[in-house]
C-alpha atoms as a PDB file:
ATOM      1  CA  MET A   1      32.084 -26.486  46.851  1.00  0.00           C
ATOM      2  CA  ALA A   2      33.590 -23.880  43.740  1.00  0.00           C
ATOM      3  CA  PHE A   3      33.571 -20.415  44.569  1.00  0.00           C
ATOM      4  CA  HIS A   4      32.026 -18.478  41.733  1.00  0.00           C
ATOM      5  CA  CYS A   5      31.470 -15.133  40.537  1.00  0.00           C
ATOM      6  CA  HIS A   6      29.814 -12.990  38.304  1.00  0.00           C
ATOM      7  CA  ARG A   7      31.171 -10.837  35.821  1.00  0.00           C
ATOM      8  CA  PRO A   8      31.602  -7.203  36.544  1.00  0.00           C
ATOM      9  CA  ASP A   9      28.766  -6.469  33.797  1.00  0.00           C
ATOM     10  CA  ALA A  10      26.356  -8.826  35.446  1.00  0.00           C
ATOM     11  CA  THR A  11      26.922  -7.565  38.813  1.00  0.00           C
ATOM     12  CA  MET A  12      24.043  -5.356  40.325  1.00  0.00           C
ATOM     13  CA  HIS A  13      25.338  -2.422  40.248  1.00  0.00           C
ATOM     14  CA  THR A  14      25.861   0.546  43.327  1.00  0.00           C
ATOM     15  CA  ASP A  15      25.655   4.133  42.987  1.00  0.00           C
ATOM     16  CA  LYS A  16      28.586   4.136  44.642  1.00  0.00           C
ATOM     17  CA  LEU A  17      30.348   1.094  42.482  1.00  0.00           C
ATOM     18  CA  THR A  18      29.723   3.890  39.343  1.00  0.00           C
ATOM     19  CA  ASP A  19      30.689   6.593  40.734  1.00  0.00           C
ATOM     20  CA  GLU A  20      34.507   6.755  39.642  1.00  0.00           C
ATOM     21  CA  ASP A  21      35.110  10.298  41.333  1.00  0.00           C
ATOM     22  CA  ALA A  22      34.105   9.577  44.399  1.00  0.00           C
ATOM     23  CA  ARG A  23      35.607   6.610  44.340  1.00  0.00           C
ATOM     24  CA  LEU A  24      39.121   8.330  43.247  1.00  0.00           C
ATOM     25  CA  ALA A  25      38.351  11.122  46.092  1.00  0.00           C
ATOM     26  CA  ALA A  26      37.844   8.186  48.745  1.00  0.00           C
ATOM     27  CA  LEU A  27      41.395   6.639  47.644  1.00  0.00           C
ATOM     28  CA  ARG A  28      43.209  10.318  48.251  1.00  0.00           C
ATOM     29  CA  ARG A  29      42.314  10.282  51.672  1.00  0.00           C
ATOM     30  CA  TYR A  30      44.323   6.641  51.862  1.00  0.00           C
ATOM     31  CA  GLU A  31      47.635   7.612  49.417  1.00  0.00           C
ATOM     32  CA  ASN A  32      50.737   7.552  51.216  1.00  0.00           C
ATOM     33  CA  ARG A  33      53.545   5.288  50.292  1.00  0.00           C
ATOM     34  CA  ASP A  34      56.201   5.446  53.253  1.00  0.00           C
ATOM     35  CA  LEU A  35      57.705   1.968  53.812  1.00  0.00           C
ATOM     36  CA  GLY A  36      56.893   2.601  57.233  1.00  0.00           C
ATOM     37  CA  GLU A  37      53.112   2.416  56.722  1.00  0.00           C
ATOM     38  CA  SER A  38      53.592  -0.418  54.831  1.00  0.00           C
ATOM     39  CA  ARG A  39      54.218  -2.971  57.413  1.00  0.00           C
ATOM     40  CA  PRO A  40      50.638  -3.859  58.552  1.00  0.00           C
ATOM     41  CA  PHE A  41      49.676  -4.134  55.419  1.00  0.00           C
ATOM     42  CA  GLU A  42      52.945  -7.075  54.824  1.00  0.00           C
ATOM     43  CA  ARG A  43      51.729  -9.005  57.882  1.00  0.00           C
ATOM     44  CA  VAL A  44      48.335  -9.463  56.552  1.00  0.00           C
ATOM     45  CA  VAL A  45      49.820 -10.400  52.918  1.00  0.00           C
ATOM     46  CA  GLU A  46      52.102 -12.899  54.513  1.00  0.00           C
ATOM     47  CA  LEU A  47      48.925 -14.336  56.452  1.00  0.00           C
ATOM     48  CA  VAL A  48      46.828 -14.793  52.987  1.00  0.00           C
ATOM     49  CA  GLN A  49      49.632 -16.535  51.815  1.00  0.00           C
ATOM     50  CA  GLN A  50      49.836 -19.204  54.254  1.00  0.00           C
ATOM     51  CA  VAL A  51      46.147 -19.512  55.073  1.00  0.00           C
ATOM     52  CA  LEU A  52      45.260 -19.611  51.588  1.00  0.00           C
ATOM     53  CA  GLY A  53      48.722 -21.539  50.569  1.00  0.00           C
ATOM     54  CA  VAL A  54      49.404 -19.392  47.311  1.00  0.00           C
ATOM     55  CA  PRO A  55      52.540 -18.249  46.594  1.00  0.00           C
ATOM     56  CA  MET A  56      51.420 -14.508  45.030  1.00  0.00           C
ATOM     57  CA  ALA A  57      48.998 -12.077  47.486  1.00  0.00           C
ATOM     58  CA  ALA A  58      48.709  -8.265  47.703  1.00  0.00           C
ATOM     59  CA  VAL A  59      47.120  -5.009  48.425  1.00  0.00           C
ATOM     60  CA  SER A  60      46.333  -3.461  45.537  1.00  0.00           C
ATOM     61  CA  LEU A  61      45.071   0.139  45.071  1.00  0.00           C
ATOM     62  CA  ILE A  62      43.865   1.293  41.746  1.00  0.00           C
ATOM     63  CA  ASP A  63      43.810   4.710  40.551  1.00  0.00           C
ATOM     64  CA  ALA A  64      42.232   6.557  37.370  1.00  0.00           C
ATOM     65  CA  ASP A  65      45.096   4.767  35.412  1.00  0.00           C
ATOM     66  CA  THR A  66      47.433   2.845  37.490  1.00  0.00           C
ATOM     67  CA  GLN A  67      47.251  -0.408  40.049  1.00  0.00           C
ATOM     68  CA  TRP A  68      49.935  -0.249  42.936  1.00  0.00           C
ATOM     69  CA  LEU A  69      50.406  -1.953  45.633  1.00  0.00           C
ATOM     70  CA  LYS A  70      50.789  -0.975  49.431  1.00  0.00           C
ATOM     71  CA  ALA A  71      51.967  -4.417  50.069  1.00  0.00           C
ATOM     72  CA  ARG A  72      53.197  -7.735  48.409  1.00  0.00           C
ATOM     73  CA  ARG A  73      54.554 -11.449  48.737  1.00  0.00           C
ATOM     74  CA  GLY A  74      56.119 -13.371  45.705  1.00  0.00           C
ATOM     75  CA  LEU A  75      55.390 -10.204  43.370  1.00  0.00           C
ATOM     76  CA  GLU A  76      58.516  -8.034  41.588  1.00  0.00           C
ATOM     77  CA  PHE A  77      56.332  -4.994  41.218  1.00  0.00           C
ATOM     78  CA  ASP A  78      54.614  -2.311  42.775  1.00  0.00           C
ATOM     79  CA  VAL A  79      52.953  -0.554  39.550  1.00  0.00           C
ATOM     80  CA  THR A  80      50.999  -1.989  36.760  1.00  0.00           C
ATOM     81  CA  PRO A  81      48.574  -0.504  34.301  1.00  0.00           C
ATOM     82  CA  ARG A  82      45.092  -0.387  35.413  1.00  0.00           C
ATOM     83  CA  ALA A  83      43.772  -2.149  32.594  1.00  0.00           C
ATOM     84  CA  GLU A  84      45.878  -4.933  33.221  1.00  0.00           C
ATOM     85  CA  ALA A  85      44.829  -5.514  36.721  1.00  0.00           C
ATOM     86  CA  PHE A  86      42.769  -8.234  37.932  1.00  0.00           C
ATOM     87  CA  CYS A  87      42.137  -6.351  40.680  1.00  0.00           C
ATOM     88  CA  ASN A  88      40.049  -3.681  38.204  1.00  0.00           C
ATOM     89  CA  TYR A  89      37.409  -6.446  38.001  1.00  0.00           C
ATOM     90  CA  THR A  90      37.151  -6.793  41.869  1.00  0.00           C
ATOM     91  CA  ILE A  91      36.389  -3.229  42.213  1.00  0.00           C
ATOM     92  CA  ALA A  92      33.153  -3.593  40.181  1.00  0.00           C
ATOM     93  CA  GLN A  93      31.674  -5.805  42.291  1.00  0.00           C
ATOM     94  CA  ARG A  94      30.680  -6.070  46.361  1.00  0.00           C
ATOM     95  CA  GLY A  95      31.989  -9.441  47.202  1.00  0.00           C
ATOM     96  CA  PRO A  96      34.898 -11.507  46.262  1.00  0.00           C
ATOM     97  CA  PHE A  97      35.858 -12.303  42.552  1.00  0.00           C
ATOM     98  CA  ALA A  98      37.628 -15.498  41.637  1.00  0.00           C
ATOM     99  CA  VAL A  99      39.439 -16.445  38.411  1.00  0.00           C
ATOM    100  CA  HIS A 100      40.095 -20.182  38.473  1.00  0.00           C
ATOM    101  CA  ASP A 101      42.560 -20.460  34.927  1.00  0.00           C
ATOM    102  CA  ALA A 102      43.202 -17.685  33.577  1.00  0.00           C
ATOM    103  CA  ARG A 103      44.585 -19.006  30.331  1.00  0.00           C
ATOM    104  CA  THR A 104      41.368 -20.339  29.503  1.00  0.00           C
ATOM    105  CA  ASP A 105      39.082 -16.880  30.565  1.00  0.00           C
ATOM    106  CA  GLU A 106      38.879 -15.022  27.411  1.00  0.00           C
ATOM    107  CA  ARG A 107      38.903 -11.712  29.512  1.00  0.00           C
ATOM    108  CA  PHE A 108      42.574 -12.390  30.839  1.00  0.00           C
ATOM    109  CA  ALA A 109      44.078 -15.368  28.214  1.00  0.00           C
ATOM    110  CA  ALA A 110      45.774 -12.298  26.653  1.00  0.00           C
ATOM    111  CA  ASN A 111      47.129 -10.457  29.829  1.00  0.00           C
ATOM    112  CA  PRO A 112      50.949  -9.648  29.883  1.00  0.00           C
ATOM    113  CA  MET A 113      50.814 -11.089  33.302  1.00  0.00           C
ATOM    114  CA  VAL A 114      49.252 -14.490  32.709  1.00  0.00           C
ATOM    115  CA  THR A 115      51.423 -15.114  28.585  1.00  0.00           C
ATOM    116  CA  GLY A 116      54.625 -13.233  31.142  1.00  0.00           C
ATOM    117  CA  GLU A 117      56.106 -12.705  34.621  1.00  0.00           C
ATOM    118  CA  PRO A 118      54.584 -13.441  37.025  1.00  0.00           C
ATOM    119  CA  TYR A 119      52.087 -16.211  35.380  1.00  0.00           C
ATOM    120  CA  ILE A 120      48.903 -15.627  36.898  1.00  0.00           C
ATOM    121  CA  ARG A 121      46.661 -18.409  36.598  1.00  0.00           C
ATOM    122  CA  ALA A 122      44.118 -18.364  39.394  1.00  0.00           C
ATOM    123  CA  TYR A 123      43.224 -15.446  41.197  1.00  0.00           C
ATOM    124  CA  LEU A 124      41.210 -14.589  44.067  1.00  0.00           C
ATOM    125  CA  GLY A 125      40.283 -11.100  45.680  1.00  0.00           C
ATOM    126  CA  VAL A 126      38.069  -8.803  47.855  1.00  0.00           C
ATOM    127  CA  PRO A 127      37.753  -5.392  47.513  1.00  0.00           C
ATOM    128  CA  LEU A 128      38.690  -2.988  49.881  1.00  0.00           C
ATOM    129  CA  THR A 129      35.635  -0.784  50.720  1.00  0.00           C
ATOM    130  CA  THR A 130      35.367   2.092  52.648  1.00  0.00           C
ATOM    131  CA  PRO A 131      33.245   3.072  55.365  1.00  0.00           C
ATOM    132  CA  ASP A 132      31.551   5.024  53.198  1.00  0.00           C
ATOM    133  CA  GLY A 133      31.272   2.140  50.406  1.00  0.00           C
ATOM    134  CA  TYR A 134      33.848   3.027  47.898  1.00  0.00           C
ATOM    135  CA  ASN A 135      36.192   0.200  46.502  1.00  0.00           C
ATOM    136  CA  VAL A 136      39.685   1.972  46.332  1.00  0.00           C
ATOM    137  CA  GLY A 137      41.211  -1.388  45.805  1.00  0.00           C
ATOM    138  CA  SER A 138      41.661  -5.334  46.718  1.00  0.00           C
ATOM    139  CA  LEU A 139      43.241  -7.844  48.685  1.00  0.00           C
ATOM    140  CA  CYS A 140      44.069 -10.595  46.450  1.00  0.00           C
ATOM    141  CA  ALA A 141      45.703 -14.520  46.473  1.00  0.00           C
ATOM    142  CA  ILE A 142      47.258 -14.907  43.091  1.00  0.00           C
ATOM    143  CA  ASP A 143      47.960 -18.880  42.022  1.00  0.00           C
ATOM    144  CA  ASN A 144      50.695 -19.707  39.147  1.00  0.00           C
ATOM    145  CA  GLU A 145      48.505 -22.972  38.834  1.00  0.00           C
ATOM    146  CA  PRO A 146      44.761 -23.275  38.577  1.00  0.00           C
ATOM    147  CA  ARG A 147      43.028 -23.849  41.295  1.00  0.00           C
ATOM    148  CA  LEU A 148      39.121 -23.353  42.894  1.00  0.00           C
ATOM    149  CA  PHE A 149      38.524 -21.443  45.809  1.00  0.00           C
ATOM    150  CA  ASP A 150      36.033 -21.963  47.506  1.00  0.00           C
ATOM    151  CA  ARG A 151      33.452 -20.121  49.621  1.00  0.00           C
ATOM    152  CA  ALA A 152      35.128 -20.352  52.953  1.00  0.00           C
ATOM    153  CA  GLN A 153      38.262 -19.087  51.420  1.00  0.00           C
ATOM    154  CA  GLY A 154      36.760 -15.987  49.990  1.00  0.00           C
ATOM    155  CA  GLU A 155      34.873 -15.094  53.561  1.00  0.00           C
ATOM    156  CA  ILE A 156      38.536 -15.270  55.175  1.00  0.00           C
ATOM    157  CA  LEU A 157      40.022 -12.713  52.365  1.00  0.00           C
ATOM    158  CA  LYS A 158      37.304 -10.613  53.247  1.00  0.00           C
ATOM    159  CA  LYS A 159      37.520 -10.636  56.928  1.00  0.00           C
ATOM    160  CA  LEU A 160      41.337 -10.302  56.025  1.00  0.00           C
ATOM    161  CA  ALA A 161      40.056  -6.983  53.800  1.00  0.00           C
ATOM    162  CA  GLU A 162      38.545  -5.536  56.647  1.00  0.00           C
ATOM    163  CA  ILE A 163      41.527  -5.384  58.482  1.00  0.00           C
ATOM    164  CA  VAL A 164      43.350  -3.344  55.509  1.00  0.00           C
ATOM    165  CA  VAL A 165      40.315  -1.203  55.561  1.00  0.00           C
ATOM    166  CA  GLU A 166      41.091  -0.190  59.522  1.00  0.00           C
ATOM    167  CA  HIS A 167      44.597   0.155  59.409  1.00  0.00           C
ATOM    168  CA  PHE A 168      43.984   2.637  56.934  1.00  0.00           C
ATOM    169  CA  GLU A 169      41.504   4.267  58.505  1.00  0.00           C
ATOM    170  CA  LEU A 170      43.424   4.259  61.826  1.00  0.00           C
ATOM    171  CA  GLN A 171      46.419   6.049  59.590  1.00  0.00           C
ATOM    172  CA  GLN A 172      43.785   8.563  58.221  1.00  0.00           C
ATOM    173  CA  ILE A 173      43.012   9.221  61.792  1.00  0.00           C
ATOM    174  CA  ALA A 174      46.347  10.302  62.708  1.00  0.00           C
ATOM    175  CA  ARG A 175      46.961  12.393  59.841  1.00  0.00           C
ATOM    176  CA  GLN A 176      43.904  14.319  60.686  1.00  0.00           C
ATOM    177  CA  ASP A 177      44.185  17.449  63.196  1.00  0.00           C
ATOM    178  CA  SER A 178      41.316  16.573  65.738  1.00  0.00           C
ATOM    179  CA  LEU A 179      40.168  20.099  66.688  1.00  0.00           C
ATOM    180  CA  THR A 180      39.136  20.834  62.828  1.00  0.00           C
ATOM    181  CA  GLY A 181      39.400  18.127  60.955  1.00  0.00           C
ATOM    182  CA  ALA A 182      42.050  19.302  58.284  1.00  0.00           C
ATOM    183  CA  LEU A 183      45.320  17.362  57.539  1.00  0.00           C
ATOM    184  CA  THR A 184      47.867  18.003  60.155  1.00  0.00           C
ATOM    185  CA  ARG A 185      50.987  19.591  58.871  1.00  0.00           C
ATOM    186  CA  ARG A 186      52.624  15.759  58.498  1.00  0.00           C
ATOM    187  CA  GLY A 187      49.648  14.574  56.035  1.00  0.00           C
ATOM    188  CA  PHE A 188      49.450  17.768  53.964  1.00  0.00           C
ATOM    189  CA  PHE A 189      53.420  18.189  53.833  1.00  0.00           C
ATOM    190  CA  ALA A 190      53.054  14.551  52.040  1.00  0.00           C
ATOM    191  CA  GLU A 191      50.195  15.706  49.776  1.00  0.00           C
ATOM    192  CA  VAL A 192      52.222  18.585  48.214  1.00  0.00           C
ATOM    193  CA  GLU A 193      55.363  16.210  47.811  1.00  0.00           C
ATOM    194  CA  LYS A 194      53.135  13.978  45.848  1.00  0.00           C
ATOM    195  CA  GLU A 195      51.361  17.088  43.568  1.00  0.00           C
ATOM    196  CA  PHE A 196      54.638  18.967  43.026  1.00  0.00           C
ATOM    197  CA  LEU A 197      55.992  16.065  41.270  1.00  0.00           C
ATOM    198  CA  ARG A 198      52.803  14.759  39.516  1.00  0.00           C
ATOM    199  CA  ALA A 199      52.799  18.924  37.888  1.00  0.00           C
ATOM    200  CA  THR A 200      56.244  19.478  37.464  1.00  0.00           C
ATOM    201  CA  ARG A 201      56.314  15.849  35.705  1.00  0.00           C
ATOM    202  CA  TYR A 202      53.521  16.520  33.781  1.00  0.00           C
ATOM    203  CA  ASP A 203      53.991  20.226  33.137  1.00  0.00           C
ATOM    204  CA  ARG A 204      50.154  21.012  34.820  1.00  0.00           C
ATOM    205  CA  PRO A 205      48.951  23.552  36.796  1.00  0.00           C
ATOM    206  CA  SER A 206      48.935  23.572  40.623  1.00  0.00           C
ATOM    207  CA  SER A 207      48.482  26.356  43.193  1.00  0.00           C
ATOM    208  CA  LEU A 208      49.513  26.495  46.840  1.00  0.00           C
ATOM    209  CA  ILE A 209      46.987  28.756  49.230  1.00  0.00           C
ATOM    210  CA  VAL A 210      48.586  29.679  52.837  1.00  0.00           C
ATOM    211  CA  LEU A 211      46.004  31.437  54.839  1.00  0.00           C
ATOM    212  CA  ASP A 212      46.794  32.901  58.422  1.00  0.00           C
ATOM    213  CA  VAL A 213      43.877  34.110  61.014  1.00  0.00           C
ATOM    214  CA  ASP A 214      44.455  38.166  61.840  1.00  0.00           C
ATOM    215  CA  HIS A 215      44.672  39.264  65.303  1.00  0.00           C
ATOM    216  CA  PHE A 216      44.271  36.021  66.706  1.00  0.00           C
ATOM    217  CA  LYS A 217      46.181  36.122  70.137  1.00  0.00           C
ATOM    218  CA  SER A 218      43.909  39.352  70.498  1.00  0.00           C
ATOM    219  CA  ILE A 219      41.123  36.998  69.429  1.00  0.00           C
ATOM    220  CA  ASN A 220      42.422  34.216  72.862  1.00  0.00           C
ATOM    221  CA  ASP A 221      43.487  37.300  74.784  1.00  0.00           C
ATOM    222  CA  ARG A 222      39.992  38.665  74.601  1.00  0.00           C
ATOM    223  CA  TYR A 223      37.465  35.825  74.474  1.00  0.00           C
ATOM    224  CA  GLY A 224      39.358  32.760  75.715  1.00  0.00           C
ATOM    225  CA  HIS A 225      40.739  29.342  73.738  1.00  0.00           C
ATOM    226  CA  ALA A 226      37.443  28.368  73.666  1.00  0.00           C
ATOM    227  CA  ALA A 227      36.554  31.268  71.116  1.00  0.00           C
ATOM    228  CA  GLY A 228      39.555  30.751  69.775  1.00  0.00           C
ATOM    229  CA  ASP A 229      38.890  27.196  68.985  1.00  0.00           C
ATOM    230  CA  ALA A 230      35.826  27.804  67.750  1.00  0.00           C
ATOM    231  CA  VAL A 231      37.134  30.360  65.311  1.00  0.00           C
ATOM    232  CA  LEU A 232      39.800  27.950  64.058  1.00  0.00           C
ATOM    233  CA  VAL A 233      36.781  25.504  63.561  1.00  0.00           C
ATOM    234  CA  SER A 234      34.937  27.739  61.895  1.00  0.00           C
ATOM    235  CA  ILE A 235      37.349  29.111  59.259  1.00  0.00           C
ATOM    236  CA  ALA A 236      38.319  25.164  58.047  1.00  0.00           C
ATOM    237  CA  ASN A 237      34.595  24.804  57.784  1.00  0.00           C
ATOM    238  CA  ALA A 238      34.289  27.747  55.735  1.00  0.00           C
ATOM    239  CA  SER A 239      37.626  26.659  53.743  1.00  0.00           C
ATOM    240  CA  MET A 240      36.990  22.995  52.964  1.00  0.00           C
ATOM    241  CA  SER A 241      32.784  23.745  51.748  1.00  0.00           C
ATOM    242  CA  THR A 242      34.540  25.719  49.037  1.00  0.00           C
ATOM    243  CA  MET A 243      36.920  22.385  47.834  1.00  0.00           C
ATOM    244  CA  ARG A 244      36.408  20.320  45.077  1.00  0.00           C
ATOM    245  CA  ARG A 245      36.992  16.702  45.909  1.00  0.00           C
ATOM    246  CA  SER A 246      40.479  17.036  43.877  1.00  0.00           C
ATOM    247  CA  ASP A 247      41.381  19.683  46.622  1.00  0.00           C
ATOM    248  CA  ILE A 248      43.605  19.226  49.593  1.00  0.00           C
ATOM    249  CA  PHE A 249      42.991  21.231  52.944  1.00  0.00           C
ATOM    250  CA  GLY A 250      45.711  21.419  56.130  1.00  0.00           C
ATOM    251  CA  ARG A 251      46.301  22.832  59.616  1.00  0.00           C
ATOM    252  CA  ILE A 252      49.751  23.655  58.972  1.00  0.00           C
ATOM    253  CA  GLY A 253      49.865  25.643  62.305  1.00  0.00           C
ATOM    254  CA  GLY A 254      48.458  26.757  65.427  1.00  0.00           C
ATOM    255  CA  GLU A 255      46.277  29.066  63.456  1.00  0.00           C
ATOM    256  CA  GLU A 256      47.898  28.857  59.847  1.00  0.00           C
ATOM    257  CA  PHE A 257      46.376  26.678  57.047  1.00  0.00           C
ATOM    258  CA  ALA A 258      46.791  25.609  53.471  1.00  0.00           C
ATOM    259  CA  LEU A 259      45.260  24.526  50.358  1.00  0.00           C
ATOM    260  CA  LEU A 260      46.299  22.633  47.725  1.00  0.00           C
ATOM    261  CA  LEU A 261      44.587  23.582  44.717  1.00  0.00           C
ATOM    262  CA  PRO A 262      46.057  20.823  41.713  1.00  0.00           C
ATOM    263  CA  GLU A 263      45.202  21.750  37.853  1.00  0.00           C
ATOM    264  CA  THR A 264      44.300  25.411  39.254  1.00  0.00           C
ATOM    265  CA  ALA A 265      46.638  28.561  37.903  1.00  0.00           C
ATOM    266  CA  ALA A 266      47.338  30.934  39.968  1.00  0.00           C
ATOM    267  CA  HIS A 267      44.131  33.423  38.830  1.00  0.00           C
ATOM    268  CA  GLU A 268      42.128  30.763  39.610  1.00  0.00           C
ATOM    269  CA  ALA A 269      43.239  30.294  42.729  1.00  0.00           C
ATOM    270  CA  ALA A 270      43.169  33.832  43.576  1.00  0.00           C
ATOM    271  CA  GLU A 271      39.211  33.527  42.608  1.00  0.00           C
ATOM    272  CA  ALA A 272      38.754  30.595  45.689  1.00  0.00           C
ATOM    273  CA  ALA A 273      40.737  32.574  48.042  1.00  0.00           C
ATOM    274  CA  GLU A 274      38.644  35.473  47.712  1.00  0.00           C
ATOM    275  CA  ARG A 275      35.705  33.251  48.057  1.00  0.00           C
ATOM    276  CA  ILE A 276      37.120  31.660  51.407  1.00  0.00           C
ATOM    277  CA  ARG A 277      38.203  35.575  52.412  1.00  0.00           C
ATOM    278  CA  GLN A 278      34.668  36.672  52.198  1.00  0.00           C
ATOM    279  CA  LEU A 279      32.948  33.902  53.700  1.00  0.00           C
ATOM    280  CA  VAL A 280      34.988  34.115  57.048  1.00  0.00           C
ATOM    281  CA  GLU A 281      34.974  37.611  57.456  1.00  0.00           C
ATOM    282  CA  THR A 282      30.691  37.351  56.930  1.00  0.00           C
ATOM    283  CA  THR A 283      30.734  34.305  59.562  1.00  0.00           C
ATOM    284  CA  ILE A 284      29.863  34.876  63.027  1.00  0.00           C
ATOM    285  CA  VAL A 285      31.244  32.258  66.097  1.00  0.00           C
ATOM    286  CA  GLN A 286      28.518  32.122  68.602  1.00  0.00           C
ATOM    287  CA  VAL A 287      30.589  31.545  71.827  1.00  0.00           C
ATOM    288  CA  GLY A 288      28.719  31.541  75.132  1.00  0.00           C
ATOM    289  CA  GLY A 289      26.224  34.230  74.100  1.00  0.00           C
ATOM    290  CA  THR A 290      29.499  36.852  73.005  1.00  0.00           C
ATOM    291  CA  GLU A 291      29.561  37.324  68.930  1.00  0.00           C
ATOM    292  CA  VAL A 292      33.250  36.400  67.624  1.00  0.00           C
ATOM    293  CA  ARG A 293      33.782  38.088  63.885  1.00  0.00           C
ATOM    294  CA  ALA A 294      37.354  37.034  62.055  1.00  0.00           C
ATOM    295  CA  THR A 295      39.226  37.164  59.560  1.00  0.00           C
ATOM    296  CA  VAL A 296      42.094  35.460  57.447  1.00  0.00           C
ATOM    297  CA  SER A 297      44.846  36.726  55.341  1.00  0.00           C
ATOM    298  CA  LEU A 298      45.710  34.275  52.265  1.00  0.00           C
ATOM    299  CA  GLY A 299      49.187  34.114  50.339  1.00  0.00           C
ATOM    300  CA  ILE A 300      49.106  32.228  47.101  1.00  0.00           C
ATOM    301  CA  ALA A 301      51.983  30.511  45.086  1.00  0.00           C
ATOM    302  CA  PRO A 302      51.535  28.821  41.400  1.00  0.00           C
ATOM    303  CA  VAL A 303      53.837  25.878  41.361  1.00  0.00           C
ATOM    304  CA  PRO A 304      57.486  26.270  40.639  1.00  0.00           C
ATOM    305  CA  PRO A 305      59.933  24.514  38.088  1.00  0.00           C
ATOM    306  CA  ALA A 306      60.499  21.022  39.233  1.00  0.00           C
ATOM    307  CA  ALA A 307      64.772  22.180  39.966  1.00  0.00           C
ATOM    308  CA  GLU A 308      63.428  24.648  42.671  1.00  0.00           C
ATOM    309  CA  GLY A 309      61.444  21.981  44.857  1.00  0.00           C
ATOM    310  CA  VAL A 310      58.801  22.169  47.309  1.00  0.00           C
ATOM    311  CA  SER A 311      60.239  24.446  49.386  1.00  0.00           C
ATOM    312  CA  THR A 312      60.254  26.762  47.007  1.00  0.00           C
ATOM    313  CA  TRP A 313      56.558  26.659  46.610  1.00  0.00           C
ATOM    314  CA  PHE A 314      56.110  27.267  50.223  1.00  0.00           C
ATOM    315  CA  ASN A 315      58.595  30.096  50.776  1.00  0.00           C
ATOM    316  CA  GLU A 316      56.617  31.593  47.678  1.00  0.00           C
ATOM    317  CA  ALA A 317      53.098  31.091  49.405  1.00  0.00           C
ATOM    318  CA  ASP A 318      54.378  32.477  52.687  1.00  0.00           C
ATOM    319  CA  ILE A 319      56.104  35.788  50.913  1.00  0.00           C
ATOM    320  CA  ALA A 320      52.725  36.332  49.218  1.00  0.00           C
ATOM    321  CA  LEU A 321      51.027  36.222  52.816  1.00  0.00           C
ATOM    322  CA  TYR A 322      53.345  38.570  54.612  1.00  0.00           C
ATOM    323  CA  GLU A 323      52.639  41.074  52.161  1.00  0.00           C
ATOM    324  CA  ALA A 324      48.768  40.224  52.475  1.00  0.00           C
ATOM    325  CA  LYS A 325      49.410  41.356  56.354  1.00  0.00           C
ATOM    326  CA  ARG A 326      51.864  44.117  55.591  1.00  0.00           C
ATOM    327  CA  PHE A 327      49.544  46.143  53.348  1.00  0.00           C
ATOM    328  CA  GLY A 328      46.604  46.049  56.294  1.00  0.00           C
ATOM    329  CA  ARG A 329      45.389  41.802  56.365  1.00  0.00           C
ATOM    330  CA  ASN A 330      41.729  40.316  55.284  1.00  0.00           C
ATOM    331  CA  ARG A 331      43.257  40.058  51.599  1.00  0.00           C
ATOM    332  CA  VAL A 332      44.638  37.619  48.854  1.00  0.00           C
ATOM    333  CA  VAL A 333      47.712  38.127  47.487  1.00  0.00           C
ATOM    334  CA  VAL A 334      49.101  36.236  44.450  1.00  0.00           C
ATOM    335  CA  SER A 335      52.742  35.950  44.288  1.00  0.00           C
ATOM    336  CA  LYS A 336      54.216  36.895  41.114  1.00  0.00           C
ATOM    337  CA  PRO A 337      56.502  34.109  39.094  1.00  0.00           C
ATOM    338  CA  ARG A 338      60.197  34.349  40.446  1.00  0.00           C
ATOM    339  CA  ARG A 339      63.264  34.838  38.318  1.00  0.00           C
ATOM    340  CA  PRO A 340      65.509  32.091  37.848  1.00  0.00           C
ATOM    341  CA  ALA A 341      68.759  32.051  39.981  1.00  0.00           C
ATOM    342  CA  THR A 342      71.558  32.788  39.006  1.00  0.00           C
ATOM    343  CA  PRO A 343      74.674  30.966  38.473  1.00  0.00           C
ATOM    344  CA  GLU A 344      76.119  31.467  41.559  1.00  0.00           C
ATOM    345  CA  GLY A 345      72.698  30.280  43.411  1.00  0.00           C
ATOM    346  CA  MET A 346      71.561  34.047  43.876  1.00  0.00           C
ATOM    347  CA  PRO A 347      68.074  35.558  43.299  1.00  0.00           C
ATOM    348  CA  ASP A 348      68.346  38.259  40.209  1.00  0.00           C
ATOM    349  CA  ALA A 349      67.850  41.318  42.571  1.00  0.00           C
ATOM    350  CA  ALA A 350      65.929  42.703  39.875  1.00  0.00           C
ATOM    351  CA  GLN A 351      62.935  40.450  40.786  1.00  0.00           C
ATOM    352  CA  GLU A 352      60.022  41.813  41.372  1.00  0.00           C
ATOM    353  CA  ALA A 353      57.450  41.966  44.841  1.00  0.00           C
ATOM    354  CA  PRO A 354      54.513  39.916  44.687  1.00  0.00           C
ATOM    355  CA  LEU A 355      51.312  41.490  43.229  1.00  0.00           C
ATOM    356  CA  LEU A 356      48.329  42.400  45.739  1.00  0.00           C
ATOM    357  CA  HIS A 357      44.725  42.192  45.001  1.00  0.00           C
END
């Protein structure tokens, strides 16, 4: 029996199929393009090739405007416009999506991937659905000859797609701090690298906040490490409660955290940091019947020019954090824009100190 599927606009959508902002937020949790982390997915697409007997297969992720391939076999590209992606139809529904002959299908007949390389004729895709129900991409099988995919093949692909999502979840767990739920240092730095490239390429604002718990050693010494852990959890929760979906939060040291705010100017980041500071200051942590209070110092830096790199971004935020501590702690400091380096690479001696807020 041939496998049939409906057009996306005829599918009974749920809220999670149509909530694009939430879908993109779910995708961000999985975004990591390190080659080494693609190996499990390469094995899956090789299995798709062998079991379904197709020349091409891929794990595809769909962001706002782009399709990029986490793993591929028989395909020569890594990135395509979302508008040209067959997988864009797959993520609009819950079940498998099949195209038997793209040349005779009005939705795809003029598609550049049909009229040119890789000359797609038949396609079968199943959505990669996160545990909370968002379709972030698809696992697909592709042929350059017309063919009918049957229901059994759709079920095989669905089971393999579940394995792909399980790998994504395992990778995410490895990037998540077990105590606070924040990203690990490695995971957070990877996100900052991506945001730095985006912001500098398109000349967009972006800000980095680094925060440190004031007198944390004293809290541990006086109340014990269980109290110290409870304070860290409360600060992480306070910070994450203020975040937008696009923001990224990480634990980058023992008692040091960082918050990445895309599309945010420094003065806006200062307002967000002040909300965090006030929330932490007014939070009481109960540990064994004892009330424990803590405060944080926060340093902020806007994204620097592309030539200066991510290390400069962190250095500027750290300098601002140092200033916050030097001037009494429990406060927010925004770094001033640094003057360009001299031709010899030495900083301008006349550059000014960060502003204190």
